[in-house]
Amino acid sequence: MPNPSEPAVQVRDLTVRRGKHEVLHTISLTVPRGSITGLLGPSGCGKTTLMRAVVGTQIIESGTVRALELPAGSPELRRRIGYVTQSPSIYPDISVRENIAYFAALYGRDRAAVDAALAAVGLSEHARQRGDELSGGQKTRASLACALVARPELLILDEPTVGLDPVLRVDLWQQFRELAAGGTTLLVSSHVMDEADHCDRLLLMRDGHVLSESTPAELRERTGEQNLERAFLTLITMGSPA
């Protein structure tokens, strides 16, 4: 049984290198259970690399990464972690429902779970459309449904709202909040600072470093800025990572 006092993700002294370039520089962080943790920072700062390390698909040079109390990449985690990449991951030549049903079968979920996942992302009316007939935003939502149908304990979302209209972004964040209220832990990356207020905790990254690990309120108090984008910029000028 999981220990609720243990974090969902624990990273210690993680270093990742690609060739001669060090991408992540001895970073440490935790992600509490049953929360929405926002991983925020400019494009190219290392967010995707960190998420891949948590999922267990990234080769690391040193340090440790644990997810749900197990080493990242452990076979036992495959049914417990959902991962939605920046690029939609659905089959283009079958319908939305068939895509979700395929993943449901992998995880032993029934038709009711497929219907629930479709409804959760607002695609019930598009269930019969093929993957290649969907808009970019619909493909993103279909990918999310394929992850949701597994009912993962930990859901990792790499910039899931990029390119979506403001109304759909609000709808998706509402879905994320409902998932967290039901006990799912979410790690959500974004380079849009106005999404930070949707998160319980923030991990702010720049140039492969974690600059801050705090709540939105703590970040505002520390920097004296109410606007979170200005708070992030102020944090950069304040010096070393903390």
Protein backbone atom coordinates (compact mmCIF):
# COMPACT_ATOMS: atom_id res chain seq x y z
CA MET A 1 0.00 0.00 0.00
CA PRO A 2 1.28 3.51 -0.78
CA ASN A 3 2.41 5.65 2.12
CA PRO A 4 0.47 8.95 1.95
CA SER A 5 3.25 10.73 3.83
CA GLU A 6 5.74 9.90 1.08
CA PRO A 7 5.95 12.28 -1.91
CA ALA A 8 4.71 11.05 -5.27
CA VAL A 9 8.02 12.06 -6.86
CA GLN A 10 11.38 12.51 -5.20
CA VAL A 11 14.42 13.69 -7.17
CA ARG A 12 17.84 13.95 -5.56
CA ASP A 13 20.99 15.43 -7.14
CA LEU A 14 19.85 14.64 -10.67
CA THR A 15 22.27 15.37 -13.48
CA VAL A 16 21.47 14.70 -17.13
CA ARG A 17 23.94 15.20 -19.97
CA ARG A 18 23.49 15.03 -23.73
CA GLY A 19 26.86 14.66 -25.36
CA LYS A 20 29.07 17.38 -23.93
CA HIS A 21 26.12 19.51 -22.83
CA GLU A 22 24.77 19.21 -19.29
CA VAL A 23 21.00 19.66 -19.46
CA LEU A 24 20.05 19.28 -15.76
CA HIS A 25 22.50 20.44 -13.11
CA THR A 26 22.31 18.39 -9.88
CA ILE A 27 18.67 19.26 -9.18
CA SER A 28 16.56 18.07 -6.25
CA LEU A 29 12.80 18.41 -5.76
CA THR A 30 9.67 16.70 -4.46
CA VAL A 31 6.10 16.44 -5.75
CA PRO A 32 3.46 15.94 -3.01
CA ARG A 33 0.72 13.36 -3.45
CA GLY A 34 -2.77 14.40 -4.48
CA SER A 35 -1.64 17.81 -5.69
CA ILE A 36 -1.15 19.77 -8.91
CA THR A 37 2.49 20.73 -9.21
CA GLY A 38 3.32 23.15 -11.99
CA LEU A 39 6.69 22.82 -13.68
CA LEU A 40 7.22 26.23 -15.19
CA GLY A 41 9.98 27.92 -17.12
CA PRO A 42 10.97 29.07 -20.61
CA SER A 43 11.27 26.65 -23.51
CA GLY A 44 14.56 24.80 -23.43
CA CYS A 45 15.07 25.05 -19.67
CA GLY A 46 14.91 21.27 -19.09
CA LYS A 47 11.25 20.65 -18.23
CA THR A 48 10.71 17.82 -20.72
CA THR A 49 14.02 16.20 -19.80
CA LEU A 50 13.01 16.22 -16.13
CA MET A 51 9.61 14.71 -16.92
CA ARG A 52 11.23 11.98 -19.01
CA ALA A 53 13.50 11.20 -16.08
CA VAL A 54 10.47 10.84 -13.79
CA VAL A 55 8.75 8.54 -16.28
CA GLY A 56 11.93 6.51 -16.60
CA THR A 57 12.66 7.06 -20.30
CA GLN A 58 15.59 9.44 -19.85
CA ILE A 59 19.17 8.24 -19.38
CA ILE A 60 20.65 10.03 -16.38
CA GLU A 61 24.27 10.62 -15.51
CA SER A 62 23.93 10.73 -11.73
CA GLY A 63 21.44 11.17 -8.91
CA THR A 64 18.22 9.35 -8.07
CA VAL A 65 14.62 9.63 -9.23
CA ARG A 66 11.80 7.85 -7.42
CA ALA A 67 8.13 7.81 -8.41
CA LEU A 68 5.41 6.38 -6.15
CA GLU A 69 8.16 5.06 -3.83
CA LEU A 70 9.87 3.06 -6.60
CA PRO A 71 12.89 3.81 -8.79
CA ALA A 72 11.78 5.63 -11.94
CA GLY A 73 11.31 3.22 -14.82
CA SER A 74 10.42 0.24 -12.61
CA PRO A 75 8.14 -2.20 -14.48
CA GLU A 76 5.58 -1.95 -11.65
CA LEU A 77 5.05 1.73 -12.50
CA ARG A 78 3.80 1.15 -16.03
CA ARG A 79 0.19 0.76 -14.89
CA ARG A 80 0.43 3.51 -12.27
CA ILE A 81 1.81 6.44 -14.25
CA GLY A 82 0.20 8.27 -17.17
CA TYR A 83 2.35 10.39 -19.48
CA VAL A 84 1.06 12.83 -22.09
CA THR A 85 3.78 14.21 -24.35
CA GLN A 86 3.77 17.52 -26.19
CA SER A 87 3.02 15.75 -29.47
CA PRO A 88 -0.38 14.02 -29.61
CA SER A 89 0.04 10.26 -29.27
CA ILE A 90 -2.99 8.75 -30.97
CA TYR A 91 -3.38 6.49 -33.98
CA PRO A 92 -4.58 8.55 -36.98
CA ASP A 93 -6.37 5.76 -38.83
CA ILE A 94 -8.85 4.70 -36.13
CA SER A 95 -11.56 6.57 -34.27
CA VAL A 96 -11.17 8.48 -31.03
CA ARG A 97 -13.18 5.82 -29.20
CA GLU A 98 -11.06 3.04 -30.67
CA ASN A 99 -7.89 4.82 -29.59
CA ILE A 100 -9.13 5.12 -26.03
CA ALA A 101 -10.53 1.57 -26.02
CA TYR A 102 -7.13 0.24 -27.08
CA PHE A 103 -5.46 1.81 -24.04
CA ALA A 104 -8.37 0.74 -21.85
CA ALA A 105 -7.79 -2.88 -22.90
CA LEU A 106 -4.10 -2.60 -22.01
CA TYR A 107 -5.01 -1.56 -18.49
CA GLY A 108 -7.99 -3.86 -18.02
CA ARG A 109 -10.58 -1.06 -18.06
CA ASP A 110 -14.13 -1.53 -19.30
CA ARG A 111 -16.39 0.36 -21.70
CA ALA A 112 -17.69 2.56 -18.92
CA ALA A 113 -14.12 3.80 -18.34
CA VAL A 114 -13.83 4.64 -22.05
CA ASP A 115 -17.09 6.63 -21.92
CA ALA A 116 -15.91 8.43 -18.77
CA ALA A 117 -12.59 9.37 -20.37
CA LEU A 118 -14.35 10.68 -23.47
CA ALA A 119 -16.68 12.79 -21.36
CA ALA A 120 -13.85 14.08 -19.17
CA VAL A 121 -12.11 15.70 -22.15
CA GLY A 122 -15.29 16.81 -23.92
CA LEU A 123 -14.98 14.48 -26.92
CA SER A 124 -18.12 12.35 -26.57
CA GLU A 125 -19.64 13.96 -29.69
CA HIS A 126 -16.45 13.28 -31.67
CA ALA A 127 -16.00 9.67 -30.57
CA ARG A 128 -16.49 8.28 -34.10
CA GLN A 129 -14.05 10.64 -35.80
CA ARG A 130 -10.71 9.29 -36.92
CA GLY A 131 -7.55 10.63 -35.38
CA ASP A 132 -6.50 12.36 -38.59
CA GLU A 133 -9.85 14.17 -38.76
CA LEU A 134 -9.34 15.99 -35.47
CA SER A 135 -8.10 19.52 -34.89
CA GLY A 136 -4.87 20.06 -32.99
CA GLY A 137 -6.72 20.80 -29.76
CA GLN A 138 -8.93 17.73 -30.17
CA LYS A 139 -5.87 15.54 -30.70
CA THR A 140 -4.40 16.88 -27.46
CA ARG A 141 -7.62 16.05 -25.63
CA ALA A 142 -7.76 12.58 -27.18
CA SER A 143 -4.21 11.90 -26.00
CA LEU A 144 -5.20 13.01 -22.52
CA ALA A 145 -8.20 10.66 -22.59
CA CYS A 146 -5.91 7.75 -23.51
CA ALA A 147 -3.93 8.49 -20.36
CA LEU A 148 -6.96 9.10 -18.16
CA VAL A 149 -8.64 5.82 -19.04
CA ALA A 150 -5.86 3.99 -17.18
CA ARG A 151 -6.78 5.91 -13.99
CA PRO A 152 -3.13 6.54 -13.12
CA GLU A 153 -1.99 7.49 -9.64
CA LEU A 154 0.52 9.91 -11.15
CA LEU A 155 -0.28 11.87 -14.32
CA ILE A 156 2.54 13.70 -16.06
CA LEU A 157 1.50 16.28 -18.65
CA ASP A 158 4.05 18.02 -20.85
CA GLU A 159 2.64 21.42 -21.87
CA PRO A 160 -0.89 20.05 -22.43
CA THR A 161 -2.48 23.45 -23.11
CA VAL A 162 -0.10 24.70 -25.81
CA GLY A 163 -2.04 25.91 -28.84
CA LEU A 164 -5.45 25.56 -27.18
CA ASP A 165 -8.00 28.36 -27.08
CA PRO A 166 -8.56 30.10 -23.71
CA VAL A 167 -11.94 28.45 -23.07
CA LEU A 168 -10.55 24.97 -23.61
CA ARG A 169 -7.56 25.76 -21.40
CA VAL A 170 -9.93 26.69 -18.57
CA ASP A 171 -11.91 23.47 -19.11
CA LEU A 172 -8.78 21.34 -18.99
CA TRP A 173 -7.52 22.96 -15.79
CA GLN A 174 -10.91 22.28 -14.23
CA GLN A 175 -10.49 18.62 -15.18
CA PHE A 176 -7.01 18.61 -13.63
CA ARG A 177 -8.41 20.07 -10.41
CA GLU A 178 -11.11 17.39 -10.25
CA LEU A 179 -8.51 14.66 -10.79
CA ALA A 180 -6.37 16.02 -7.95
CA ALA A 181 -9.43 16.21 -5.69
CA GLY A 182 -9.95 12.50 -6.41
CA GLY A 183 -6.41 11.67 -5.28
CA THR A 184 -4.47 11.75 -8.55
CA THR A 185 -1.11 13.50 -8.44
CA LEU A 186 -0.44 15.76 -11.42
CA LEU A 187 2.87 17.16 -12.65
CA VAL A 188 2.06 19.71 -15.38
CA SER A 189 4.62 21.67 -17.35
CA SER A 190 4.04 25.02 -19.00
CA HIS A 191 5.94 28.06 -20.18
CA VAL A 192 2.85 30.25 -19.64
CA MET A 193 3.14 31.86 -16.23
CA ASP A 194 -0.55 32.76 -15.95
CA GLU A 195 -1.26 29.04 -15.51
CA ALA A 196 0.74 29.02 -12.26
CA ASP A 197 -2.28 30.10 -10.23
CA HIS A 198 -4.01 26.81 -11.11
CA CYS A 199 -1.30 24.87 -9.26
CA ASP A 200 -0.92 23.93 -5.61
CA ARG A 201 2.87 24.07 -5.85
CA LEU A 202 5.33 25.51 -8.33
CA LEU A 203 8.69 24.29 -9.54
CA LEU A 204 10.32 27.15 -11.42
CA MET A 205 13.15 26.19 -13.79
CA ARG A 206 15.74 28.09 -15.78
CA ASP A 207 18.78 26.82 -17.67
CA GLY A 208 18.61 23.34 -16.12
CA HIS A 209 18.31 24.58 -12.54
CA VAL A 210 15.34 24.61 -10.16
CA LEU A 211 15.14 28.22 -8.99
CA SER A 212 12.25 27.79 -6.58
CA GLU A 213 10.00 25.14 -5.05
CA SER A 214 7.04 26.89 -3.43
CA THR A 215 3.34 27.71 -3.52
CA PRO A 216 2.09 30.67 -5.58
CA ALA A 217 1.46 32.57 -2.33
CA GLU A 218 4.98 31.86 -1.08
CA LEU A 219 6.46 33.03 -4.37
CA ARG A 220 4.51 36.28 -4.19
CA GLU A 221 5.59 36.84 -0.59
CA ARG A 222 9.23 36.10 -1.34
CA THR A 223 9.45 38.44 -4.34
CA GLY A 224 6.95 41.11 -3.31
CA GLU A 225 5.21 40.76 -6.68
CA GLN A 226 1.55 39.85 -7.13
CA ASN A 227 1.88 39.11 -10.84
CA LEU A 228 3.50 35.66 -11.09
CA GLU A 229 5.33 36.40 -14.33
CA ARG A 230 6.97 39.43 -12.73
CA ALA A 231 7.63 37.33 -9.63
CA PHE A 232 9.50 34.81 -11.78
CA LEU A 233 11.56 37.57 -13.41
CA THR A 234 12.30 39.02 -9.98
CA LEU A 235 13.40 35.61 -8.75
CA ILE A 236 15.89 35.37 -11.61
CA THR A 237 17.48 38.67 -10.57
CA MET A 238 17.67 37.61 -6.92
CA GLY A 239 20.55 35.23 -7.58
CA SER A 240 21.23 31.57 -6.99
CA PRO A 241 18.67 28.73 -7.14
CA ALA A 242 16.75 28.02 -3.91
